N, C-alpha and C. Protein backbone atom coordinates (compact mmCIF):
# COMPACT_ATOMS: atom_id res chain seq x y z
N MET A 1 172.72 174.27 92.49
CA MET A 1 171.28 174.30 92.62
C MET A 1 170.92 174.87 94.00
N PRO A 2 169.85 175.65 94.05
CA PRO A 2 169.43 176.21 95.34
C PRO A 2 169.00 175.13 96.33
N LYS A 3 169.27 175.40 97.63
CA LYS A 3 168.92 174.48 98.70
C LYS A 3 168.30 175.27 99.85
N GLU A 4 167.45 174.60 100.61
CA GLU A 4 166.85 175.18 101.81
C GLU A 4 166.72 174.07 102.85
N THR A 5 166.82 174.46 104.13
CA THR A 5 166.58 173.54 105.23
C THR A 5 165.58 174.18 106.17
N PHE A 6 164.59 173.40 106.58
CA PHE A 6 163.56 173.84 107.52
C PHE A 6 163.52 172.83 108.66
N SER A 7 163.30 173.33 109.88
CA SER A 7 163.23 172.43 111.02
C SER A 7 162.25 172.99 112.05
N HIS A 8 161.57 172.10 112.72
CA HIS A 8 160.67 172.50 113.80
C HIS A 8 160.56 171.35 114.80
N SER A 9 160.47 171.71 116.08
CA SER A 9 160.32 170.72 117.15
C SER A 9 159.06 171.00 117.95
N SER A 10 158.49 169.95 118.48
CA SER A 10 157.33 170.06 119.36
C SER A 10 157.42 168.92 120.37
N THR A 11 156.74 169.06 121.47
CA THR A 11 156.76 168.01 122.48
C THR A 11 155.36 167.48 122.72
N THR A 12 155.32 166.24 123.15
CA THR A 12 154.07 165.58 123.48
C THR A 12 154.26 164.82 124.79
N ARG A 13 153.18 164.58 125.50
CA ARG A 13 153.25 163.81 126.74
C ARG A 13 153.40 162.31 126.47
N ALA A 14 153.19 161.89 125.24
CA ALA A 14 153.28 160.47 124.88
C ALA A 14 154.72 159.99 124.96
N ASP A 15 154.87 158.68 125.23
CA ASP A 15 156.23 158.14 125.23
C ASP A 15 156.68 157.86 123.80
N ARG A 16 157.99 157.65 123.65
CA ARG A 16 158.56 157.48 122.31
C ARG A 16 157.95 156.32 121.54
N SER A 17 157.61 155.23 122.21
CA SER A 17 157.06 154.07 121.49
C SER A 17 155.72 154.41 120.84
N GLN A 18 154.90 155.22 121.50
CA GLN A 18 153.62 155.62 120.91
C GLN A 18 153.84 156.49 119.67
N VAL A 19 154.75 157.45 119.79
CA VAL A 19 155.02 158.35 118.67
C VAL A 19 155.66 157.57 117.53
N TRP A 20 156.59 156.70 117.86
CA TRP A 20 157.27 155.90 116.84
C TRP A 20 156.27 155.06 116.05
N SER A 21 155.34 154.45 116.73
CA SER A 21 154.34 153.62 116.07
C SER A 21 153.56 154.43 115.03
N ALA A 22 153.25 155.67 115.34
CA ALA A 22 152.50 156.52 114.40
C ALA A 22 153.30 156.83 113.14
N LEU A 23 154.62 156.82 113.25
CA LEU A 23 155.46 157.12 112.08
C LEU A 23 155.37 156.03 111.01
N ASP A 24 154.90 154.86 111.38
CA ASP A 24 154.71 153.79 110.40
C ASP A 24 153.33 153.84 109.74
N SER A 25 152.53 154.82 110.11
CA SER A 25 151.22 155.00 109.50
C SER A 25 151.33 155.96 108.32
N PRO A 26 150.93 155.55 107.12
CA PRO A 26 151.05 156.43 105.96
C PRO A 26 150.37 157.79 106.15
N SER A 27 149.23 157.82 106.84
CA SER A 27 148.51 159.09 107.00
C SER A 27 149.30 160.10 107.82
N THR A 28 150.22 159.65 108.65
CA THR A 28 151.06 160.56 109.43
C THR A 28 151.84 161.49 108.51
N TRP A 29 152.25 161.00 107.37
CA TRP A 29 153.12 161.78 106.48
C TRP A 29 152.36 162.77 105.63
N GLU A 30 151.04 162.70 105.63
CA GLU A 30 150.25 163.67 104.87
C GLU A 30 150.28 165.00 105.61
N GLY A 31 150.83 166.00 104.98
CA GLY A 31 150.97 167.30 105.58
C GLY A 31 152.39 167.59 106.04
N ILE A 32 153.15 166.58 106.37
CA ILE A 32 154.53 166.79 106.81
C ILE A 32 155.44 166.79 105.59
N GLY A 33 156.26 167.79 105.49
CA GLY A 33 157.25 167.84 104.42
C GLY A 33 156.68 168.09 103.06
N GLY A 34 155.56 168.78 103.00
CA GLY A 34 154.99 169.11 101.70
C GLY A 34 154.21 167.97 101.08
N VAL A 35 153.98 166.90 101.81
CA VAL A 35 153.20 165.78 101.29
C VAL A 35 151.73 166.07 101.56
N ASP A 36 150.95 166.18 100.51
CA ASP A 36 149.52 166.42 100.67
C ASP A 36 148.73 165.13 100.73
N ARG A 37 149.18 164.12 99.98
CA ARG A 37 148.46 162.85 99.94
C ARG A 37 149.43 161.72 99.68
N VAL A 38 149.37 160.69 100.53
CA VAL A 38 150.19 159.49 100.34
C VAL A 38 149.45 158.54 99.42
N ILE A 39 150.19 157.98 98.46
CA ILE A 39 149.66 157.03 97.49
C ILE A 39 150.53 155.78 97.51
N ASP A 40 149.91 154.64 97.42
CA ASP A 40 150.63 153.37 97.31
C ASP A 40 151.71 153.16 98.38
N PRO A 41 151.35 153.23 99.67
CA PRO A 41 152.36 152.97 100.70
C PRO A 41 152.82 151.51 100.64
N VAL A 42 154.07 151.29 100.97
CA VAL A 42 154.64 149.94 101.03
C VAL A 42 154.90 149.64 102.50
N ILE A 43 154.25 148.59 102.99
CA ILE A 43 154.37 148.21 104.40
C ILE A 43 154.87 146.77 104.44
N ASP A 44 155.92 146.54 105.23
CA ASP A 44 156.49 145.19 105.27
C ASP A 44 155.66 144.28 106.19
N ASP A 45 156.10 143.03 106.31
CA ASP A 45 155.37 142.03 107.10
C ASP A 45 155.33 142.35 108.59
N PHE A 46 156.17 143.27 109.04
CA PHE A 46 156.21 143.65 110.45
C PHE A 46 155.42 144.94 110.71
N GLY A 47 154.74 145.46 109.68
CA GLY A 47 153.95 146.67 109.83
C GLY A 47 154.74 147.96 109.70
N ARG A 48 155.98 147.87 109.22
CA ARG A 48 156.81 149.05 109.08
C ARG A 48 156.65 149.66 107.69
N LEU A 49 156.48 150.96 107.67
CA LEU A 49 156.38 151.69 106.42
C LEU A 49 157.74 151.67 105.72
N GLN A 50 157.76 151.21 104.46
CA GLN A 50 159.01 151.07 103.72
C GLN A 50 159.13 152.03 102.53
N GLY A 51 158.13 152.86 102.33
CA GLY A 51 158.17 153.82 101.24
C GLY A 51 156.77 154.15 100.79
N PHE A 52 156.67 155.20 99.97
CA PHE A 52 155.37 155.60 99.45
C PHE A 52 155.55 156.59 98.32
N ASN A 53 154.53 156.66 97.49
CA ASN A 53 154.43 157.73 96.50
C ASN A 53 153.54 158.80 97.13
N PHE A 54 153.66 160.03 96.62
CA PHE A 54 152.87 161.10 97.20
C PHE A 54 152.56 162.19 96.19
N GLU A 55 151.57 163.00 96.55
CA GLU A 55 151.22 164.20 95.78
C GLU A 55 151.54 165.42 96.63
N THR A 56 152.05 166.45 95.95
CA THR A 56 152.30 167.75 96.56
C THR A 56 151.68 168.79 95.65
N SER A 57 150.98 169.74 96.24
CA SER A 57 150.36 170.81 95.47
C SER A 57 151.09 172.12 95.76
N VAL A 58 151.59 172.76 94.70
CA VAL A 58 152.27 174.05 94.82
C VAL A 58 151.71 174.97 93.75
N ALA A 59 151.21 176.11 94.19
CA ALA A 59 150.67 177.12 93.28
C ALA A 59 149.64 176.53 92.31
N GLY A 60 148.79 175.65 92.85
CA GLY A 60 147.72 175.08 92.05
C GLY A 60 148.12 173.92 91.16
N ARG A 61 149.37 173.53 91.18
CA ARG A 61 149.84 172.42 90.36
C ARG A 61 150.18 171.23 91.25
N ILE A 62 149.81 170.03 90.82
CA ILE A 62 150.08 168.82 91.59
C ILE A 62 151.33 168.15 91.04
N TYR A 63 152.25 167.81 91.96
CA TYR A 63 153.49 167.11 91.61
C TYR A 63 153.46 165.74 92.25
N LEU A 64 153.81 164.71 91.47
CA LEU A 64 153.92 163.36 92.00
C LEU A 64 155.34 163.11 92.45
N GLY A 65 155.48 162.48 93.61
CA GLY A 65 156.81 162.22 94.15
C GLY A 65 156.92 160.85 94.75
N LYS A 66 158.12 160.55 95.23
CA LYS A 66 158.41 159.24 95.81
C LYS A 66 159.26 159.43 97.06
N ALA A 67 158.93 158.67 98.10
CA ALA A 67 159.73 158.65 99.33
C ALA A 67 160.30 157.25 99.51
N THR A 68 161.61 157.18 99.68
CA THR A 68 162.28 155.91 99.90
C THR A 68 163.09 155.99 101.19
N PRO A 69 163.25 154.87 101.88
CA PRO A 69 163.95 154.91 103.16
C PRO A 69 165.40 155.38 103.03
N LYS A 70 165.79 156.26 103.93
CA LYS A 70 167.18 156.72 104.01
C LYS A 70 167.84 156.17 105.27
N ALA A 71 167.14 156.32 106.40
CA ALA A 71 167.69 155.83 107.68
C ALA A 71 166.53 155.48 108.60
N ARG A 72 166.81 154.50 109.46
CA ARG A 72 165.81 154.09 110.44
C ARG A 72 166.53 153.56 111.66
N GLU A 73 166.35 154.23 112.79
CA GLU A 73 166.85 153.77 114.08
C GLU A 73 165.63 153.62 114.96
N GLU A 74 165.25 152.41 115.26
CA GLU A 74 163.99 152.13 115.96
C GLU A 74 163.81 153.04 117.17
N SER A 75 162.65 153.68 117.22
CA SER A 75 162.21 154.57 118.29
C SER A 75 163.04 155.84 118.43
N ARG A 76 163.91 156.12 117.44
CA ARG A 76 164.76 157.31 117.55
C ARG A 76 164.75 158.19 116.30
N LEU A 77 164.85 157.58 115.12
CA LEU A 77 165.03 158.36 113.90
C LEU A 77 164.43 157.64 112.70
N MET A 78 163.70 158.40 111.88
CA MET A 78 163.21 157.90 110.61
C MET A 78 163.48 158.98 109.57
N ALA A 79 164.13 158.61 108.48
CA ALA A 79 164.45 159.58 107.43
C ALA A 79 164.09 158.99 106.07
N TRP A 80 163.59 159.88 105.21
CA TRP A 80 163.16 159.51 103.86
C TRP A 80 163.90 160.36 102.84
N ASP A 81 164.38 159.71 101.79
CA ASP A 81 164.79 160.45 100.59
C ASP A 81 163.51 160.75 99.85
N ILE A 82 163.33 162.01 99.47
CA ILE A 82 162.12 162.41 98.75
C ILE A 82 162.52 163.02 97.42
N GLN A 83 161.69 162.81 96.41
CA GLN A 83 161.98 163.41 95.10
C GLN A 83 160.71 163.50 94.28
N ASN A 84 160.58 164.63 93.60
CA ASN A 84 159.57 164.77 92.54
C ASN A 84 160.26 165.44 91.37
N SER A 85 159.52 165.90 90.39
CA SER A 85 160.14 166.44 89.18
C SER A 85 160.85 167.77 89.42
N GLU A 86 160.57 168.43 90.54
CA GLU A 86 161.14 169.76 90.78
C GLU A 86 162.15 169.81 91.92
N VAL A 87 161.98 168.97 92.93
CA VAL A 87 162.88 169.00 94.10
C VAL A 87 163.23 167.60 94.55
N ARG A 88 164.32 167.53 95.29
CA ARG A 88 164.69 166.30 95.98
C ARG A 88 165.21 166.72 97.35
N GLY A 89 165.28 165.77 98.25
CA GLY A 89 165.77 166.11 99.57
C GLY A 89 165.59 164.98 100.55
N VAL A 90 165.60 165.37 101.83
CA VAL A 90 165.49 164.41 102.91
C VAL A 90 164.54 164.98 103.96
N THR A 91 163.63 164.13 104.42
CA THR A 91 162.76 164.45 105.54
C THR A 91 163.19 163.55 106.69
N THR A 92 163.55 164.16 107.83
CA THR A 92 164.05 163.42 108.98
C THR A 92 163.20 163.72 110.21
N VAL A 93 162.80 162.68 110.92
CA VAL A 93 162.11 162.84 112.20
C VAL A 93 162.98 162.21 113.27
N ARG A 94 163.32 163.01 114.30
CA ARG A 94 164.10 162.52 115.44
C ARG A 94 163.21 162.57 116.68
N LEU A 95 163.26 161.51 117.46
CA LEU A 95 162.50 161.44 118.71
C LEU A 95 163.48 161.34 119.87
N THR A 96 163.30 162.20 120.87
CA THR A 96 164.12 162.16 122.07
C THR A 96 163.22 162.29 123.29
N ASP A 97 163.69 161.75 124.40
CA ASP A 97 162.93 161.88 125.64
C ASP A 97 162.97 163.32 126.10
N GLU A 98 161.81 163.82 126.52
CA GLU A 98 161.68 165.20 126.98
C GLU A 98 160.81 165.15 128.23
N GLY A 99 161.48 165.14 129.40
CA GLY A 99 160.72 165.04 130.64
C GLY A 99 159.90 163.77 130.64
N PRO A 100 158.61 163.88 130.94
CA PRO A 100 157.78 162.67 130.91
C PRO A 100 157.26 162.33 129.51
N GLY A 101 157.65 163.07 128.51
CA GLY A 101 157.13 162.85 127.16
C GLY A 101 158.23 162.69 126.12
N THR A 102 157.90 163.14 124.90
CA THR A 102 158.80 162.96 123.76
C THR A 102 158.92 164.26 122.98
N ARG A 103 160.12 164.58 122.58
CA ARG A 103 160.36 165.72 121.69
C ARG A 103 160.41 165.17 120.27
N VAL A 104 159.65 165.80 119.37
CA VAL A 104 159.58 165.41 117.97
C VAL A 104 160.21 166.54 117.16
N GLN A 105 161.33 166.23 116.48
CA GLN A 105 161.99 167.23 115.64
C GLN A 105 161.93 166.76 114.19
N VAL A 106 161.36 167.60 113.34
CA VAL A 106 161.27 167.29 111.91
C VAL A 106 162.15 168.27 111.16
N THR A 107 163.03 167.75 110.32
CA THR A 107 163.92 168.57 109.49
C THR A 107 163.70 168.22 108.03
N LEU A 108 163.51 169.23 107.22
CA LEU A 108 163.35 169.07 105.78
C LEU A 108 164.53 169.73 105.09
N GLU A 109 165.22 168.99 104.26
CA GLU A 109 166.29 169.54 103.43
C GLU A 109 165.84 169.34 101.99
N VAL A 110 165.72 170.43 101.25
CA VAL A 110 165.26 170.33 99.86
C VAL A 110 166.18 171.12 98.94
N GLU A 111 166.29 170.64 97.70
CA GLU A 111 167.05 171.35 96.68
C GLU A 111 166.37 171.16 95.34
N SER A 112 166.55 172.14 94.47
CA SER A 112 165.96 172.03 93.14
C SER A 112 166.74 171.01 92.32
N VAL A 113 166.08 170.46 91.29
CA VAL A 113 166.74 169.42 90.49
C VAL A 113 166.95 169.83 89.04
N GLY A 114 166.53 171.02 88.66
CA GLY A 114 166.72 171.44 87.27
C GLY A 114 166.70 172.95 87.15
N MET A 115 167.03 173.43 85.98
CA MET A 115 167.09 174.87 85.75
C MET A 115 165.72 175.52 85.90
N PHE A 116 164.66 174.87 85.39
CA PHE A 116 163.32 175.44 85.50
C PHE A 116 162.91 175.55 86.96
N SER A 117 163.13 174.46 87.72
CA SER A 117 162.75 174.49 89.14
C SER A 117 163.61 175.46 89.93
N SER A 118 164.84 175.70 89.48
CA SER A 118 165.70 176.67 90.16
C SER A 118 165.10 178.07 90.12
N MET A 119 164.47 178.42 89.01
CA MET A 119 163.87 179.74 88.88
C MET A 119 162.71 179.91 89.86
N PHE A 120 161.96 178.86 90.10
CA PHE A 120 160.79 178.93 90.96
C PHE A 120 161.04 178.34 92.34
N PHE A 121 162.29 178.01 92.63
CA PHE A 121 162.60 177.35 93.89
C PHE A 121 162.16 178.14 95.13
N PRO A 122 162.32 179.44 95.17
CA PRO A 122 161.85 180.16 96.37
C PRO A 122 160.36 179.93 96.65
N VAL A 123 159.54 179.90 95.62
CA VAL A 123 158.10 179.65 95.80
C VAL A 123 157.87 178.21 96.26
N ILE A 124 158.57 177.28 95.63
CA ILE A 124 158.43 175.87 95.97
C ILE A 124 158.88 175.63 97.41
N ALA A 125 160.05 176.16 97.77
CA ALA A 125 160.59 175.96 99.11
C ALA A 125 159.67 176.58 100.17
N LYS A 126 159.15 177.76 99.88
CA LYS A 126 158.25 178.41 100.84
C LYS A 126 157.00 177.56 101.06
N ALA A 127 156.46 177.00 99.99
CA ALA A 127 155.28 176.15 100.11
C ALA A 127 155.58 174.91 100.94
N ILE A 128 156.75 174.35 100.75
CA ILE A 128 157.13 173.14 101.49
C ILE A 128 157.35 173.46 102.97
N GLY A 129 158.08 174.54 103.24
CA GLY A 129 158.47 174.85 104.62
C GLY A 129 157.47 175.63 105.43
N SER A 130 156.58 176.35 104.79
CA SER A 130 155.70 177.25 105.54
C SER A 130 154.75 176.55 106.50
N GLY A 131 154.30 175.39 106.15
CA GLY A 131 153.36 174.68 107.01
C GLY A 131 154.00 173.76 108.02
N LEU A 132 155.32 173.68 108.02
CA LEU A 132 156.00 172.72 108.89
C LEU A 132 155.67 172.91 110.38
N PRO A 133 155.78 174.12 110.93
CA PRO A 133 155.48 174.25 112.37
C PRO A 133 154.08 173.76 112.73
N GLN A 134 153.10 174.12 111.94
CA GLN A 134 151.73 173.70 112.24
C GLN A 134 151.56 172.19 112.16
N THR A 135 152.15 171.56 111.15
CA THR A 135 151.96 170.12 111.00
C THR A 135 152.70 169.34 112.08
N VAL A 136 153.88 169.80 112.47
CA VAL A 136 154.62 169.11 113.53
C VAL A 136 153.88 169.28 114.86
N ASP A 137 153.41 170.50 115.14
CA ASP A 137 152.65 170.73 116.38
C ASP A 137 151.37 169.89 116.39
N ALA A 138 150.68 169.82 115.26
CA ALA A 138 149.44 169.03 115.18
C ALA A 138 149.74 167.54 115.38
N PHE A 139 150.83 167.06 114.81
CA PHE A 139 151.21 165.66 114.99
C PHE A 139 151.47 165.37 116.46
N ALA A 140 152.24 166.22 117.13
CA ALA A 140 152.53 166.02 118.54
C ALA A 140 151.27 166.10 119.40
N ALA A 141 150.36 166.99 119.05
CA ALA A 141 149.13 167.19 119.83
C ALA A 141 148.19 166.00 119.72
N ARG A 142 148.35 165.17 118.69
CA ARG A 142 147.49 163.98 118.53
C ARG A 142 147.54 163.07 119.75
N PHE A 143 148.66 163.10 120.47
CA PHE A 143 148.88 162.16 121.57
C PHE A 143 148.49 162.72 122.93
N ASP A 144 148.24 164.02 123.00
CA ASP A 144 147.94 164.66 124.29
C ASP A 144 146.46 164.58 124.64
């Protein structure tokens, strides 16, 4: 099955704890990794985001998907397994100290899940990856 990886980094003057806190907000994930709208977020008793359903729009069609936790290292890394009817993959956010601020690196790994999606995978992958730089930069700029 076809696969693609997209990555973009941006820096913010905010410290890692501020950026990390925002990653537990469902609205943060809208726009990142092809997620247009978060639906039914699951938040635990400590305020940590534990998963969510989402909508993605590609070529005028809406796809419903699910994000489930893959990895979590407090204040350093948050990764989600993502899947909808056409693609599956992993969205990873890494936070590192960068001078007086924080470097935010988002990596998307996606692959098609069926023969039909394989035929249209270049269009799907482009839609998912094309907005990544802008959304990561906009996320980082929220704190400046």
